[in-house]
Amino acid sequence: MKPELYQEIALNRDFPEYNLNQGDIATLIDYVPHPAGKEEGAILEIFNALGEAIAVVTVPISSIDILKPDDRLSIRRLAPA
């Protein structure tokens, strides 16, 4: 099932280029077609624990999962840039 816009999602893989890890939570803000007709992309807004926006990234749609009732939240410190 495709997540709805503005829904919180979880990443199902790491994105070291964005300093994002599997399990990180983001808000889905849009879908974008791939320019070469490949896999659709998902534009995500990333927030810190205080709700402050810290990044906007685009990832393949296959790398996001809908949150489920048995998912558990945790925190991790951002590595210094």
C-alpha atoms as a PDB file:
ATOM      1  CA  MET A   1       0.000   0.000   0.000  1.00  0.00           C
ATOM      2  CA  LYS A   2       1.299   3.449  -0.930  1.00  0.00           C
ATOM      3  CA  PRO A   3       1.568   5.864   2.019  1.00  0.00           C
ATOM      4  CA  GLU A   4      -0.588   8.988   1.957  1.00  0.00           C
ATOM      5  CA  LEU A   5       0.986  12.417   1.697  1.00  0.00           C
ATOM      6  CA  TYR A   6       1.917  14.051   5.033  1.00  0.00           C
ATOM      7  CA  GLN A   7       1.935  10.665   6.738  1.00  0.00           C
ATOM      8  CA  GLU A   8       4.872   9.720   8.952  1.00  0.00           C
ATOM      9  CA  ILE A   9       6.906   6.838   7.539  1.00  0.00           C
ATOM     10  CA  ALA A  10      10.000   4.865   8.545  1.00  0.00           C
ATOM     11  CA  LEU A  11      13.036   4.218   6.385  1.00  0.00           C
ATOM     12  CA  ASN A  12      13.743   0.545   5.717  1.00  0.00           C
ATOM     13  CA  ARG A  13      17.396   1.075   4.778  1.00  0.00           C
ATOM     14  CA  ASP A  14      20.320   3.383   5.516  1.00  0.00           C
ATOM     15  CA  PHE A  15      21.158   6.533   3.531  1.00  0.00           C
ATOM     16  CA  PRO A  16      24.655   7.483   4.713  1.00  0.00           C
ATOM     17  CA  GLU A  17      24.808  10.339   2.209  1.00  0.00           C
ATOM     18  CA  TYR A  18      21.963  12.000   4.179  1.00  0.00           C
ATOM     19  CA  ASN A  19      23.072  10.728   7.631  1.00  0.00           C
ATOM     20  CA  LEU A  20      19.830   8.707   7.837  1.00  0.00           C
ATOM     21  CA  ASN A  21      19.482   5.172   9.187  1.00  0.00           C
ATOM     22  CA  GLN A  22      17.003   2.368   8.826  1.00  0.00           C
ATOM     23  CA  GLY A  23      14.164   3.039  11.271  1.00  0.00           C
ATOM     24  CA  ASP A  24      14.448   6.830  11.130  1.00  0.00           C
ATOM     25  CA  ILE A  25      11.057   8.508  10.897  1.00  0.00           C
ATOM     26  CA  ALA A  26      10.180  11.200   8.370  1.00  0.00           C
ATOM     27  CA  THR A  27       7.106  12.881   6.904  1.00  0.00           C
ATOM     28  CA  LEU A  28       6.184  12.052   3.312  1.00  0.00           C
ATOM     29  CA  ILE A  29       5.586  15.357   1.541  1.00  0.00           C
ATOM     30  CA  ASP A  30       5.386  14.371  -2.131  1.00  0.00           C
ATOM     31  CA  TYR A  31       6.001  11.763  -4.815  1.00  0.00           C
ATOM     32  CA  VAL A  32       8.139  12.413  -7.890  1.00  0.00           C
ATOM     33  CA  PRO A  33       8.554  10.404 -11.074  1.00  0.00           C
ATOM     34  CA  HIS A  34      12.036   9.194 -11.972  1.00  0.00           C
ATOM     35  CA  PRO A  35      13.361  11.219 -14.945  1.00  0.00           C
ATOM     36  CA  ALA A  36      14.378   8.009 -16.774  1.00  0.00           C
ATOM     37  CA  GLY A  37      11.113   6.188 -16.047  1.00  0.00           C
ATOM     38  CA  LYS A  38      12.552   4.039 -13.256  1.00  0.00           C
ATOM     39  CA  GLU A  39      11.319   3.763  -9.657  1.00  0.00           C
ATOM     40  CA  GLU A  40       9.200   6.625  -8.329  1.00  0.00           C
ATOM     41  CA  GLY A  41      10.743   8.776  -5.612  1.00  0.00           C
ATOM     42  CA  ALA A  42       9.427   9.961  -2.266  1.00  0.00           C
ATOM     43  CA  ILE A  43      10.276  13.427  -0.963  1.00  0.00           C
ATOM     44  CA  LEU A  44      10.672  13.319   2.806  1.00  0.00           C
ATOM     45  CA  GLU A  45      11.005  16.021   5.426  1.00  0.00           C
ATOM     46  CA  ILE A  46      13.207  15.021   8.336  1.00  0.00           C
ATOM     47  CA  PHE A  47      12.659  16.470  11.821  1.00  0.00           C
ATOM     48  CA  ASN A  48      14.672  16.347  15.021  1.00  0.00           C
ATOM     49  CA  ALA A  49      13.135  15.173  18.311  1.00  0.00           C
ATOM     50  CA  LEU A  50      11.892  18.715  19.022  1.00  0.00           C
ATOM     51  CA  GLY A  51       9.929  18.874  15.775  1.00  0.00           C
ATOM     52  CA  GLU A  52      12.337  21.204  13.988  1.00  0.00           C
ATOM     53  CA  ALA A  53      12.855  20.505  10.275  1.00  0.00           C
ATOM     54  CA  ILE A  54      16.470  19.556   9.600  1.00  0.00           C
ATOM     55  CA  ALA A  55      16.437  18.213   6.034  1.00  0.00           C
ATOM     56  CA  VAL A  56      14.417  17.461   2.918  1.00  0.00           C
ATOM     57  CA  VAL A  57      15.550  14.439   0.914  1.00  0.00           C
ATOM     58  CA  THR A  58      14.373  12.283  -1.975  1.00  0.00           C
ATOM     59  CA  VAL A  59      14.588   8.494  -1.716  1.00  0.00           C
ATOM     60  CA  PRO A  60      13.197   5.579  -3.764  1.00  0.00           C
ATOM     61  CA  ILE A  61       9.636   4.714  -2.771  1.00  0.00           C
ATOM     62  CA  SER A  62      10.713   1.138  -2.002  1.00  0.00           C
ATOM     63  CA  SER A  63      12.846   2.443   0.887  1.00  0.00           C
ATOM     64  CA  ILE A  64       9.897   3.693   2.979  1.00  0.00           C
ATOM     65  CA  ASP A  65       7.434   1.776   5.153  1.00  0.00           C
ATOM     66  CA  ILE A  66       4.155   2.751   6.771  1.00  0.00           C
ATOM     67  CA  LEU A  67       4.328   2.886  10.570  1.00  0.00           C
ATOM     68  CA  LYS A  68       2.531   0.025  12.319  1.00  0.00           C
ATOM     69  CA  PRO A  69       0.947  -0.182  15.791  1.00  0.00           C
ATOM     70  CA  ASP A  70       3.684  -2.507  17.034  1.00  0.00           C
ATOM     71  CA  ASP A  71       6.531  -0.170  15.962  1.00  0.00           C
ATOM     72  CA  ARG A  72       8.527   1.407  18.770  1.00  0.00           C
ATOM     73  CA  LEU A  73      10.198   4.832  18.682  1.00  0.00           C
ATOM     74  CA  SER A  74      13.739   5.514  19.860  1.00  0.00           C
ATOM     75  CA  ILE A  75      16.274   8.306  19.564  1.00  0.00           C
ATOM     76  CA  ARG A  76      19.832   8.558  18.290  1.00  0.00           C
ATOM     77  CA  ARG A  77      22.192  11.501  18.335  1.00  0.00           C
ATOM     78  CA  LEU A  78      23.137  13.064  15.026  1.00  0.00           C
ATOM     79  CA  ALA A  79      26.778  12.669  14.204  1.00  0.00           C
ATOM     80  CA  PRO A  80      28.657  16.000  14.095  1.00  0.00           C
ATOM     81  CA  ALA A  81      28.865  17.365  10.565  1.00  0.00           C
END
